[in-house]
Amino acid sequence: MRTKSYELMKKIMEFIENYYSINGRSPSIREIANDLQISVGCVAKYLIEMKNRKMITSSGGSRGIFTENMSSLNNSIRKLAVVGSVACGKPLLAEENIECYLPIPNEFLGSGEYFILKANGDSMVNIGINDGDYIIVRQQETAENGQIVVALINDEATLKRYYKDNRKKKVRLHPENDNMQDMYFDKIQIQGIAVKVIKNLI
């Protein structure tokens, strides 16, 4: 059997790890072949050889290829659900509302459970949250005055600054937009507290 190229093995490993770091999952054999411009059969043979050399492990599935670096990376990241518009009557993290998952390093987060909300509209532009930005939210049901909350109102999620108005005995949700008015509610359902923003600069 023809000797396998170690350089090609390294390229295959690098592609697998880079793909995983970006997508949070392993590439398929076809995706490896397309990127390196070699045949699917060639990739399959190389993967067998790499597995024999313990350069990779495989679960046998179409995306079940892992390297040692990926295993350590997998322990250092969390995949957070990205929630877009929320369907009426559906829980915020219901499968129907989840657009995708984003890998986020653990050191970027604190303790607790998190999800990502895709900002919709311009109600928080004064603090730099624009339409389409991704907001990392820590799940919790309570908030302190001045914190930015994800609140469920009429089965739709909204991102606003939270205040408890003791004089009016109401909850005040403050939009960070000079053209919008505060909103008052007898009661709201808090889904979480916004802690970080991921945004494009262009």
N, C-alpha and C. Protein backbone atom coordinates (compact mmCIF):
# COMPACT_ATOMS: atom_id res chain seq x y z
N MET A 1 0.85 -1.19 0.00
CA MET A 1 0.00 0.00 0.00
C MET A 1 0.89 1.24 0.00
N ARG A 2 0.51 2.23 -0.78
CA ARG A 2 1.28 3.46 -0.90
C ARG A 2 1.38 4.16 0.45
N THR A 3 2.59 4.65 0.74
CA THR A 3 2.83 5.35 2.02
C THR A 3 2.00 6.63 2.08
N LYS A 4 1.36 6.82 3.23
CA LYS A 4 0.54 8.01 3.42
C LYS A 4 1.42 9.22 3.73
N SER A 5 1.03 10.37 3.21
CA SER A 5 1.77 11.62 3.43
C SER A 5 1.45 12.18 4.81
N TYR A 6 2.49 12.35 5.65
CA TYR A 6 2.27 12.92 6.97
C TYR A 6 1.83 14.38 6.87
N GLU A 7 2.31 15.10 5.86
CA GLU A 7 1.91 16.49 5.66
C GLU A 7 0.42 16.59 5.39
N LEU A 8 -0.10 15.63 4.59
CA LEU A 8 -1.53 15.64 4.30
C LEU A 8 -2.33 15.31 5.57
N MET A 9 -1.80 14.40 6.37
CA MET A 9 -2.47 14.08 7.63
C MET A 9 -2.56 15.33 8.51
N LYS A 10 -1.48 16.09 8.58
CA LYS A 10 -1.48 17.32 9.38
C LYS A 10 -2.50 18.32 8.85
N LYS A 11 -2.61 18.42 7.51
CA LYS A 11 -3.59 19.34 6.91
C LYS A 11 -5.01 18.90 7.24
N ILE A 12 -5.24 17.60 7.21
CA ILE A 12 -6.58 17.07 7.55
C ILE A 12 -6.90 17.39 9.01
N MET A 13 -5.93 17.17 9.91
CA MET A 13 -6.15 17.47 11.32
C MET A 13 -6.43 18.95 11.54
N GLU A 14 -5.65 19.81 10.89
CA GLU A 14 -5.83 21.26 11.05
C GLU A 14 -7.21 21.69 10.56
N PHE A 15 -7.64 21.11 9.43
CA PHE A 15 -8.97 21.47 8.92
C PHE A 15 -10.05 21.02 9.89
N ILE A 16 -9.93 19.80 10.41
CA ILE A 16 -10.93 19.28 11.34
C ILE A 16 -11.03 20.18 12.57
N GLU A 17 -9.88 20.57 13.13
CA GLU A 17 -9.88 21.38 14.35
C GLU A 17 -10.38 22.81 14.09
N ASN A 18 -9.98 23.39 12.96
CA ASN A 18 -10.46 24.73 12.62
C ASN A 18 -11.96 24.73 12.37
N TYR A 19 -12.44 23.71 11.67
CA TYR A 19 -13.87 23.59 11.39
C TYR A 19 -14.64 23.48 12.71
N TYR A 20 -14.12 22.66 13.62
CA TYR A 20 -14.79 22.45 14.89
C TYR A 20 -14.84 23.73 15.72
N SER A 21 -13.72 24.49 15.72
CA SER A 21 -13.68 25.72 16.52
C SER A 21 -14.67 26.75 16.01
N ILE A 22 -14.96 26.73 14.71
CA ILE A 22 -15.89 27.69 14.12
C ILE A 22 -17.34 27.22 14.21
N ASN A 23 -17.56 25.93 13.97
CA ASN A 23 -18.92 25.41 13.84
C ASN A 23 -19.42 24.63 15.05
N GLY A 24 -18.51 24.28 15.96
CA GLY A 24 -18.93 23.53 17.14
C GLY A 24 -19.24 22.08 16.86
N ARG A 25 -18.86 21.57 15.71
CA ARG A 25 -19.07 20.16 15.35
C ARG A 25 -18.00 19.75 14.35
N SER A 26 -17.83 18.46 14.20
CA SER A 26 -16.82 17.95 13.28
C SER A 26 -17.29 18.06 11.84
N PRO A 27 -16.35 18.18 10.89
CA PRO A 27 -16.75 18.21 9.48
C PRO A 27 -17.08 16.81 8.98
N SER A 28 -17.81 16.76 7.89
CA SER A 28 -18.05 15.48 7.22
C SER A 28 -16.84 15.14 6.35
N ILE A 29 -16.75 13.90 5.92
CA ILE A 29 -15.65 13.48 5.04
C ILE A 29 -15.69 14.30 3.74
N ARG A 30 -16.88 14.54 3.23
CA ARG A 30 -17.00 15.30 1.99
C ARG A 30 -16.50 16.74 2.17
N GLU A 31 -16.79 17.34 3.31
CA GLU A 31 -16.32 18.71 3.57
C GLU A 31 -14.79 18.75 3.66
N ILE A 32 -14.20 17.73 4.24
CA ILE A 32 -12.73 17.65 4.28
C ILE A 32 -12.19 17.53 2.86
N ALA A 33 -12.79 16.65 2.08
CA ALA A 33 -12.34 16.42 0.70
C ALA A 33 -12.46 17.70 -0.13
N ASN A 34 -13.57 18.40 0.01
CA ASN A 34 -13.78 19.62 -0.77
C ASN A 34 -12.75 20.70 -0.40
N ASP A 35 -12.47 20.83 0.88
CA ASP A 35 -11.53 21.86 1.30
C ASP A 35 -10.11 21.56 0.83
N LEU A 36 -9.70 20.31 0.91
CA LEU A 36 -8.32 19.94 0.54
C LEU A 36 -8.20 19.54 -0.93
N GLN A 37 -9.35 19.55 -1.62
CA GLN A 37 -9.38 19.23 -3.05
C GLN A 37 -8.77 17.86 -3.34
N ILE A 38 -9.22 16.88 -2.56
CA ILE A 38 -8.87 15.49 -2.80
C ILE A 38 -10.16 14.68 -2.79
N SER A 39 -10.08 13.43 -3.17
CA SER A 39 -11.30 12.62 -3.28
C SER A 39 -11.80 12.18 -1.91
N VAL A 40 -13.08 11.87 -1.86
CA VAL A 40 -13.68 11.36 -0.62
C VAL A 40 -13.02 10.05 -0.23
N GLY A 41 -12.75 9.20 -1.23
CA GLY A 41 -12.10 7.92 -0.96
C GLY A 41 -10.73 8.10 -0.34
N CYS A 42 -9.99 9.09 -0.84
CA CYS A 42 -8.66 9.37 -0.31
C CYS A 42 -8.75 9.81 1.15
N VAL A 43 -9.71 10.70 1.45
CA VAL A 43 -9.90 11.16 2.82
C VAL A 43 -10.23 9.99 3.73
N ALA A 44 -11.14 9.12 3.28
CA ALA A 44 -11.55 7.96 4.09
C ALA A 44 -10.36 7.08 4.43
N LYS A 45 -9.48 6.83 3.45
CA LYS A 45 -8.30 6.00 3.69
C LYS A 45 -7.34 6.67 4.67
N TYR A 46 -7.18 7.99 4.52
CA TYR A 46 -6.30 8.72 5.42
C TYR A 46 -6.85 8.72 6.84
N LEU A 47 -8.15 8.83 6.98
CA LEU A 47 -8.74 8.84 8.32
C LEU A 47 -8.53 7.50 9.01
N ILE A 48 -8.61 6.42 8.25
CA ILE A 48 -8.35 5.08 8.82
C ILE A 48 -6.92 5.01 9.33
N GLU A 49 -5.97 5.47 8.50
CA GLU A 49 -4.56 5.46 8.90
C GLU A 49 -4.33 6.35 10.11
N MET A 50 -4.97 7.53 10.12
CA MET A 50 -4.81 8.45 11.25
C MET A 50 -5.39 7.87 12.53
N LYS A 51 -6.48 7.12 12.39
CA LYS A 51 -7.07 6.48 13.57
C LYS A 51 -6.13 5.40 14.08
N ASN A 52 -5.51 4.64 13.17
CA ASN A 52 -4.55 3.61 13.57
C ASN A 52 -3.35 4.22 14.29
N ARG A 53 -2.97 5.42 13.89
CA ARG A 53 -1.84 6.11 14.53
C ARG A 53 -2.27 6.88 15.78
N LYS A 54 -3.55 6.78 16.11
CA LYS A 54 -4.12 7.47 17.28
C LYS A 54 -4.03 8.99 17.16
N MET A 55 -4.02 9.49 15.92
CA MET A 55 -4.06 10.93 15.69
C MET A 55 -5.49 11.45 15.84
N ILE A 56 -6.46 10.59 15.59
CA ILE A 56 -7.87 10.93 15.73
C ILE A 56 -8.60 9.77 16.38
N THR A 57 -9.80 10.06 16.87
CA THR A 57 -10.73 9.02 17.28
C THR A 57 -11.99 9.21 16.47
N SER A 58 -12.78 8.16 16.37
CA SER A 58 -13.99 8.23 15.56
C SER A 58 -15.11 7.48 16.24
N SER A 59 -16.30 8.12 16.24
CA SER A 59 -17.48 7.46 16.81
C SER A 59 -18.21 6.64 15.76
N GLY A 60 -17.75 6.74 14.51
CA GLY A 60 -18.37 5.97 13.44
C GLY A 60 -19.44 6.73 12.68
N GLY A 61 -19.90 7.87 13.20
CA GLY A 61 -20.91 8.67 12.50
C GLY A 61 -20.27 9.52 11.43
N SER A 62 -21.11 10.18 10.62
CA SER A 62 -20.60 10.99 9.52
C SER A 62 -19.82 12.20 10.01
N ARG A 63 -20.10 12.64 11.25
CA ARG A 63 -19.37 13.78 11.84
C ARG A 63 -18.73 13.38 13.16
N GLY A 64 -18.34 12.12 13.26
CA GLY A 64 -17.81 11.61 14.52
C GLY A 64 -16.31 11.57 14.59
N ILE A 65 -15.62 12.53 13.97
CA ILE A 65 -14.16 12.56 13.94
C ILE A 65 -13.67 13.56 15.00
N PHE A 66 -12.75 13.12 15.86
CA PHE A 66 -12.25 13.99 16.93
C PHE A 66 -10.74 13.87 17.05
N THR A 67 -10.11 14.99 17.43
CA THR A 67 -8.69 14.98 17.74
C THR A 67 -8.53 15.24 19.23
N GLU A 68 -7.34 15.04 19.75
CA GLU A 68 -7.10 15.28 21.17
C GLU A 68 -7.33 16.74 21.53
N ASN A 69 -6.92 17.65 20.64
CA ASN A 69 -7.13 19.08 20.89
C ASN A 69 -8.62 19.42 20.97
N MET A 70 -9.41 18.75 20.14
CA MET A 70 -10.86 19.01 20.15
C MET A 70 -11.48 18.55 21.46
N SER A 71 -10.97 17.46 22.02
CA SER A 71 -11.51 16.96 23.29
C SER A 71 -11.27 17.97 24.39
N SER A 72 -10.05 18.57 24.43
CA SER A 72 -9.77 19.58 25.46
C SER A 72 -10.55 20.85 25.19
N LEU A 73 -10.70 21.21 23.88
CA LEU A 73 -11.48 22.39 23.52
C LEU A 73 -12.93 22.21 23.91
N ASN A 74 -13.44 20.99 23.73
CA ASN A 74 -14.83 20.71 24.06
C ASN A 74 -15.11 20.92 25.54
N ASN A 75 -14.09 20.67 26.38
CA ASN A 75 -14.25 20.86 27.82
C ASN A 75 -14.13 22.32 28.22
N SER A 76 -13.62 23.17 27.32
CA SER A 76 -13.40 24.58 27.67
C SER A 76 -14.44 25.51 27.06
N ILE A 77 -15.41 24.96 26.32
CA ILE A 77 -16.44 25.79 25.72
C ILE A 77 -17.82 25.27 26.08
N ARG A 78 -18.78 26.15 25.95
CA ARG A 78 -20.19 25.77 26.08
C ARG A 78 -20.92 26.18 24.83
N LYS A 79 -21.83 25.35 24.38
CA LYS A 79 -22.64 25.69 23.22
C LYS A 79 -23.94 26.29 23.71
N LEU A 80 -24.12 27.58 23.43
CA LEU A 80 -25.31 28.30 23.91
C LEU A 80 -26.34 28.40 22.80
N ALA A 81 -27.60 28.17 23.17
CA ALA A 81 -28.70 28.28 22.21
C ALA A 81 -28.92 29.73 21.83
N VAL A 82 -29.06 29.99 20.53
CA VAL A 82 -29.38 31.32 20.02
C VAL A 82 -30.87 31.38 19.76
N VAL A 83 -31.55 32.31 20.46
CA VAL A 83 -33.00 32.44 20.34
C VAL A 83 -33.33 33.69 19.52
N GLY A 84 -34.16 33.53 18.53
CA GLY A 84 -34.58 34.67 17.73
C GLY A 84 -35.94 35.15 18.19
N SER A 85 -36.85 35.38 17.27
CA SER A 85 -38.21 35.77 17.63
C SER A 85 -38.89 34.59 18.31
N VAL A 86 -39.72 34.90 19.29
CA VAL A 86 -40.33 33.86 20.11
C VAL A 86 -41.77 33.63 19.69
N ALA A 87 -42.09 32.41 19.38
CA ALA A 87 -43.46 32.08 18.97
C ALA A 87 -44.40 32.20 20.16
N CYS A 88 -45.63 32.69 19.91
CA CYS A 88 -46.61 32.88 20.98
C CYS A 88 -46.88 31.56 21.70
N GLY A 89 -46.85 31.63 23.02
CA GLY A 89 -47.18 30.47 23.82
C GLY A 89 -46.05 29.48 23.98
N LYS A 90 -44.92 29.67 23.29
CA LYS A 90 -43.82 28.73 23.36
C LYS A 90 -42.79 29.21 24.40
N PRO A 91 -42.22 28.30 25.20
CA PRO A 91 -41.14 28.71 26.10
C PRO A 91 -39.98 29.30 25.32
N LEU A 92 -39.27 30.22 25.95
CA LEU A 92 -38.20 30.94 25.26
C LEU A 92 -37.19 29.99 24.64
N LEU A 93 -36.84 28.91 25.35
CA LEU A 93 -35.83 27.98 24.86
C LEU A 93 -36.45 26.72 24.26
N ALA A 94 -37.71 26.83 23.82
CA ALA A 94 -38.32 25.72 23.11
C ALA A 94 -37.58 25.48 21.81
N GLU A 95 -37.54 24.23 21.37
CA GLU A 95 -36.78 23.87 20.17
C GLU A 95 -37.17 24.72 18.97
N GLU A 96 -38.45 25.08 18.88
CA GLU A 96 -38.93 25.86 17.74
C GLU A 96 -38.31 27.25 17.68
N ASN A 97 -37.87 27.77 18.83
CA ASN A 97 -37.34 29.13 18.89
C ASN A 97 -35.82 29.20 18.72
N ILE A 98 -35.15 28.05 18.79
CA ILE A 98 -33.69 28.02 18.73
C ILE A 98 -33.22 28.04 17.28
N GLU A 99 -32.47 29.09 16.93
CA GLU A 99 -31.98 29.24 15.56
C GLU A 99 -30.72 28.41 15.31
N CYS A 100 -29.82 28.38 16.30
CA CYS A 100 -28.57 27.63 16.17
C CYS A 100 -27.90 27.62 17.53
N TYR A 101 -26.70 27.09 17.60
CA TYR A 101 -25.91 27.10 18.83
C TYR A 101 -24.56 27.76 18.54
N LEU A 102 -24.07 28.56 19.48
CA LEU A 102 -22.76 29.19 19.33
C LEU A 102 -21.82 28.69 20.43
N PRO A 103 -20.59 28.27 20.04
CA PRO A 103 -19.62 27.87 21.07
C PRO A 103 -19.01 29.10 21.73
N ILE A 104 -19.08 29.16 23.06
CA ILE A 104 -18.55 30.29 23.83
C ILE A 104 -17.56 29.74 24.87
N PRO A 105 -16.34 30.31 24.95
CA PRO A 105 -15.38 29.83 25.95
C PRO A 105 -15.92 29.98 27.37
N ASN A 106 -15.62 28.99 28.21
CA ASN A 106 -16.09 29.02 29.59
C ASN A 106 -15.57 30.23 30.35
N GLU A 107 -14.32 30.65 30.05
CA GLU A 107 -13.77 31.79 30.79
C GLU A 107 -14.48 33.09 30.44
N PHE A 108 -15.26 33.08 29.35
CA PHE A 108 -16.03 34.25 28.96
C PHE A 108 -17.31 34.35 29.79
N LEU A 109 -17.66 33.25 30.45
CA LEU A 109 -18.90 33.18 31.21
C LEU A 109 -18.59 32.98 32.69
N GLY A 110 -19.57 33.23 33.52
CA GLY A 110 -19.46 32.91 34.93
C GLY A 110 -20.21 31.62 35.20
N SER A 111 -20.55 31.42 36.47
CA SER A 111 -21.35 30.25 36.82
C SER A 111 -22.79 30.47 36.37
N GLY A 112 -23.55 29.41 36.29
CA GLY A 112 -24.95 29.51 35.90
C GLY A 112 -25.19 28.98 34.50
N GLU A 113 -26.44 29.08 34.08
CA GLU A 113 -26.86 28.65 32.74
C GLU A 113 -27.09 29.89 31.88
N TYR A 114 -26.76 29.77 30.59
CA TYR A 114 -26.83 30.91 29.69
C TYR A 114 -27.52 30.54 28.38
N PHE A 115 -28.05 31.56 27.71
CA PHE A 115 -28.49 31.43 26.32
C PHE A 115 -28.17 32.74 25.62
N ILE A 116 -28.35 32.77 24.32
CA ILE A 116 -28.06 33.98 23.53
C ILE A 116 -29.34 34.45 22.86
N LEU A 117 -29.65 35.73 23.04
CA LEU A 117 -30.82 36.34 22.41
C LEU A 117 -30.36 37.25 21.28
N LYS A 118 -30.96 37.09 20.12
CA LYS A 118 -30.65 37.98 18.99
C LYS A 118 -31.51 39.23 19.11
N ALA A 119 -30.86 40.39 19.26
CA ALA A 119 -31.59 41.64 19.45
C ALA A 119 -32.43 41.97 18.23
N ASN A 120 -33.63 42.46 18.49
CA ASN A 120 -34.56 42.79 17.41
C ASN A 120 -35.09 44.20 17.66
N GLY A 121 -34.74 45.14 16.77
CA GLY A 121 -35.21 46.52 16.93
C GLY A 121 -34.13 47.43 17.51
N ASP A 122 -34.53 48.66 17.83
CA ASP A 122 -33.57 49.68 18.25
C ASP A 122 -33.88 50.27 19.62
N SER A 123 -34.55 49.50 20.47
CA SER A 123 -34.97 50.05 21.76
C SER A 123 -33.82 50.20 22.76
N MET A 124 -32.63 49.64 22.44
CA MET A 124 -31.51 49.73 23.39
C MET A 124 -30.27 50.36 22.76
N VAL A 125 -30.48 51.19 21.76
CA VAL A 125 -29.34 51.74 21.01
C VAL A 125 -28.47 52.68 21.85
N ASN A 126 -29.04 53.33 22.86
CA ASN A 126 -28.25 54.27 23.67
C ASN A 126 -27.10 53.60 24.41
N ILE A 127 -27.20 52.30 24.64
CA ILE A 127 -26.11 51.59 25.31
C ILE A 127 -25.39 50.66 24.34
N GLY A 128 -25.57 50.91 23.05
CA GLY A 128 -24.79 50.20 22.05
C GLY A 128 -25.31 48.85 21.64
N ILE A 129 -26.57 48.53 21.98
CA ILE A 129 -27.17 47.27 21.52
C ILE A 129 -28.02 47.58 20.31
N ASN A 130 -27.62 47.07 19.15
CA ASN A 130 -28.30 47.36 17.90
C ASN A 130 -29.02 46.14 17.35
N ASP A 131 -29.89 46.37 16.41
CA ASP A 131 -30.64 45.30 15.77
C ASP A 131 -29.66 44.27 15.19
N GLY A 132 -29.87 42.99 15.53
CA GLY A 132 -29.01 41.94 15.03
C GLY A 132 -27.86 41.55 15.93
N ASP A 133 -27.59 42.35 16.98
CA ASP A 133 -26.53 41.99 17.93
C ASP A 133 -26.95 40.74 18.71
N TYR A 134 -25.95 40.02 19.20
CA TYR A 134 -26.21 38.84 20.02
C TYR A 134 -25.94 39.17 21.49
N ILE A 135 -26.92 38.90 22.34
CA ILE A 135 -26.83 39.21 23.76
C ILE A 135 -26.70 37.91 24.54
N ILE A 136 -25.63 37.79 25.32
CA ILE A 136 -25.48 36.62 26.20
C ILE A 136 -26.26 36.88 27.47
N VAL A 137 -27.16 35.96 27.79
CA VAL A 137 -28.10 36.14 28.90
C VAL A 137 -27.90 35.03 29.93
N ARG A 138 -27.75 35.41 31.20
CA ARG A 138 -27.71 34.42 32.28
C ARG A 138 -29.14 34.14 32.74
N GLN A 139 -29.53 32.89 32.74
CA GLN A 139 -30.89 32.53 33.10
C GLN A 139 -31.11 32.75 34.60
N GLN A 140 -32.13 33.55 34.92
CA GLN A 140 -32.58 33.73 36.29
C GLN A 140 -33.94 34.42 36.27
N GLU A 141 -34.65 34.30 37.38
CA GLU A 141 -36.03 34.79 37.42
C GLU A 141 -36.18 36.08 38.21
N THR A 142 -35.07 36.60 38.73
CA THR A 142 -35.12 37.85 39.51
C THR A 142 -34.09 38.82 38.96
N ALA A 143 -34.25 40.11 39.31
CA ALA A 143 -33.32 41.13 38.84
C ALA A 143 -33.23 42.24 39.86
N GLU A 144 -32.12 42.97 39.83
CA GLU A 144 -31.94 44.16 40.65
C GLU A 144 -32.25 45.40 39.81
N ASN A 145 -32.62 46.48 40.47
CA ASN A 145 -32.88 47.74 39.76
C ASN A 145 -31.69 48.12 38.89
N GLY A 146 -31.98 48.49 37.65
CA GLY A 146 -30.95 48.94 36.73
C GLY A 146 -30.36 47.86 35.86
N GLN A 147 -30.64 46.59 36.18
CA GLN A 147 -30.12 45.51 35.33
C GLN A 147 -30.94 45.41 34.04
N ILE A 148 -30.28 44.92 32.99
CA ILE A 148 -30.97 44.72 31.71
C ILE A 148 -31.52 43.30 31.69
N VAL A 149 -32.83 43.21 31.55
CA VAL A 149 -33.49 41.91 31.65
C VAL A 149 -34.09 41.48 30.32
N VAL A 150 -34.24 40.18 30.18
CA VAL A 150 -35.08 39.62 29.13
C VAL A 150 -36.39 39.26 29.82
N ALA A 151 -37.45 39.97 29.45
CA ALA A 151 -38.75 39.77 30.08
C ALA A 151 -39.72 39.20 29.06
N LEU A 152 -40.57 38.32 29.53
CA LEU A 152 -41.60 37.74 28.66
C LEU A 152 -42.90 38.48 28.90
N ILE A 153 -43.38 39.16 27.86
CA ILE A 153 -44.61 39.95 27.95
C ILE A 153 -45.51 39.56 26.78
N ASN A 154 -46.72 39.15 27.10
CA ASN A 154 -47.66 38.68 26.07
C ASN A 154 -47.00 37.65 25.16
N ASP A 155 -46.28 36.72 25.79
CA ASP A 155 -45.64 35.60 25.08
C ASP A 155 -44.54 36.04 24.13
N GLU A 156 -44.03 37.26 24.28
CA GLU A 156 -42.90 37.70 23.45
C GLU A 156 -41.79 38.23 24.35
N ALA A 157 -40.55 37.91 23.97
CA ALA A 157 -39.40 38.34 24.77
C ALA A 157 -39.02 39.77 24.40
N THR A 158 -38.70 40.56 25.42
CA THR A 158 -38.24 41.92 25.19
C THR A 158 -37.02 42.19 26.06
N LEU A 159 -36.11 43.00 25.56
CA LEU A 159 -34.88 43.35 26.28
C LEU A 159 -34.98 44.80 26.74
N LYS A 160 -35.02 45.02 28.07
CA LYS A 160 -35.18 46.38 28.61
C LYS A 160 -34.46 46.48 29.95
N ARG A 161 -34.23 47.73 30.38
CA ARG A 161 -33.66 47.95 31.71
C ARG A 161 -34.79 47.87 32.74
N TYR A 162 -34.53 47.19 33.84
CA TYR A 162 -35.56 46.85 34.82
C TYR A 162 -35.50 47.78 36.04
N TYR A 163 -36.68 48.25 36.45
CA TYR A 163 -36.80 49.01 37.70
C TYR A 163 -38.10 48.59 38.40
N LYS A 164 -38.04 48.56 39.71
CA LYS A 164 -39.26 48.32 40.49
C LYS A 164 -39.72 49.67 41.02
N ASP A 165 -40.88 50.13 40.56
CA ASP A 165 -41.42 51.43 40.96
C ASP A 165 -42.32 51.23 42.18
N ASN A 166 -41.76 51.46 43.35
CA ASN A 166 -42.52 51.22 44.59
C ASN A 166 -43.66 52.21 44.77
N ARG A 167 -43.48 53.43 44.25
CA ARG A 167 -44.55 54.44 44.38
C ARG A 167 -45.79 54.03 43.60
N LYS A 168 -45.58 53.58 42.38
CA LYS A 168 -46.71 53.14 41.56
C LYS A 168 -47.06 51.68 41.77
N LYS A 169 -46.20 50.99 42.54
CA LYS A 169 -46.39 49.55 42.78
C LYS A 169 -46.46 48.79 41.46
N LYS A 170 -45.54 49.16 40.57
CA LYS A 170 -45.47 48.52 39.26
C LYS A 170 -44.02 48.25 38.89
N VAL A 171 -43.84 47.43 37.88
CA VAL A 171 -42.52 47.21 37.29
C VAL A 171 -42.37 48.16 36.11
N ARG A 172 -41.23 48.87 36.08
CA ARG A 172 -40.97 49.78 34.96
C ARG A 172 -39.88 49.19 34.08
N LEU A 173 -40.17 49.07 32.80
CA LEU A 173 -39.17 48.63 31.82
C LEU A 173 -38.76 49.83 30.99
N HIS A 174 -37.47 50.13 31.04
CA HIS A 174 -36.95 51.35 30.43
C HIS A 174 -36.19 51.03 29.14
N PRO A 175 -36.67 51.51 27.98
CA PRO A 175 -35.91 51.35 26.74
C PRO A 175 -34.79 52.38 26.68
N GLU A 176 -33.62 51.96 26.26
CA GLU A 176 -32.49 52.88 26.11
C GLU A 176 -32.53 53.51 24.72
N ASN A 177 -33.57 54.31 24.51
CA ASN A 177 -33.78 55.01 23.24
C ASN A 177 -34.57 56.27 23.57
N ASP A 178 -34.03 57.43 23.24
CA ASP A 178 -34.66 58.71 23.61
C ASP A 178 -36.02 58.90 22.98
N ASN A 179 -36.32 58.14 21.94
CA ASN A 179 -37.60 58.29 21.25
C ASN A 179 -38.67 57.35 21.77
N MET A 180 -38.36 56.59 22.81
CA MET A 180 -39.32 55.61 23.32
C MET A 180 -39.65 55.90 24.77
N GLN A 181 -40.85 55.52 25.18
CA GLN A 181 -41.34 55.76 26.53
C GLN A 181 -41.18 54.53 27.40
N ASP A 182 -41.06 54.77 28.72
CA ASP A 182 -41.04 53.66 29.66
C ASP A 182 -42.36 52.91 29.61
N MET A 183 -42.29 51.63 29.96
CA MET A 183 -43.49 50.79 29.99
C MET A 183 -43.70 50.31 31.42
N TYR A 184 -44.95 50.28 31.86
CA TYR A 184 -45.28 49.88 33.23
C TYR A 184 -46.15 48.62 33.21
N PHE A 185 -45.84 47.71 34.14
CA PHE A 185 -46.59 46.45 34.22
C PHE A 185 -46.81 46.11 35.69
N ASP A 186 -47.94 45.46 35.94
CA ASP A 186 -48.18 44.97 37.30
C ASP A 186 -47.20 43.86 37.65
N LYS A 187 -46.89 43.04 36.66
CA LYS A 187 -46.02 41.90 36.89
C LYS A 187 -45.41 41.48 35.57
N ILE A 188 -44.17 41.05 35.60
CA ILE A 188 -43.53 40.51 34.39
C ILE A 188 -42.86 39.18 34.74
N GLN A 189 -42.56 38.42 33.73
CA GLN A 189 -41.83 37.16 33.91
C GLN A 189 -40.40 37.35 33.40
N ILE A 190 -39.45 37.39 34.32
CA ILE A 190 -38.05 37.58 33.94
C ILE A 190 -37.46 36.25 33.50
N GLN A 191 -36.81 36.26 32.35
CA GLN A 191 -36.18 35.06 31.80
C GLN A 191 -34.68 35.03 32.08
N GLY A 192 -34.09 36.23 32.25
CA GLY A 192 -32.65 36.27 32.49
C GLY A 192 -32.13 37.69 32.49
N ILE A 193 -30.82 37.81 32.75
CA ILE A 193 -30.13 39.08 32.83
C ILE A 193 -29.07 39.14 31.73
N ALA A 194 -29.08 40.22 30.96
CA ALA A 194 -28.08 40.39 29.90
C ALA A 194 -26.72 40.68 30.53
N VAL A 195 -25.69 39.95 30.07
CA VAL A 195 -24.36 40.12 30.68
C VAL A 195 -23.30 40.54 29.68
N LYS A 196 -23.45 40.19 28.39
CA LYS A 196 -22.46 40.54 27.40
C LYS A 196 -23.13 40.71 26.05
N VAL A 197 -22.47 41.47 25.16
CA VAL A 197 -22.96 41.70 23.80
C VAL A 197 -21.90 41.24 22.80
N ILE A 198 -22.34 40.48 21.81
CA ILE A 198 -21.47 40.09 20.68
C ILE A 198 -21.99 40.83 19.47
N LYS A 199 -21.12 41.62 18.83
CA LYS A 199 -21.62 42.44 17.72
C LYS A 199 -20.58 42.52 16.61
N ASN A 200 -21.09 42.80 15.40
CA ASN A 200 -20.23 43.12 14.27
C ASN A 200 -19.83 44.58 14.36
N LEU A 201 -18.60 44.89 13.98
CA LEU A 201 -18.14 46.28 13.99
C LEU A 201 -18.30 46.95 12.66
N ILE A 202 -18.65 46.18 11.62
CA ILE A 202 -18.90 46.78 10.29
C ILE A 202 -20.20 46.23 9.75
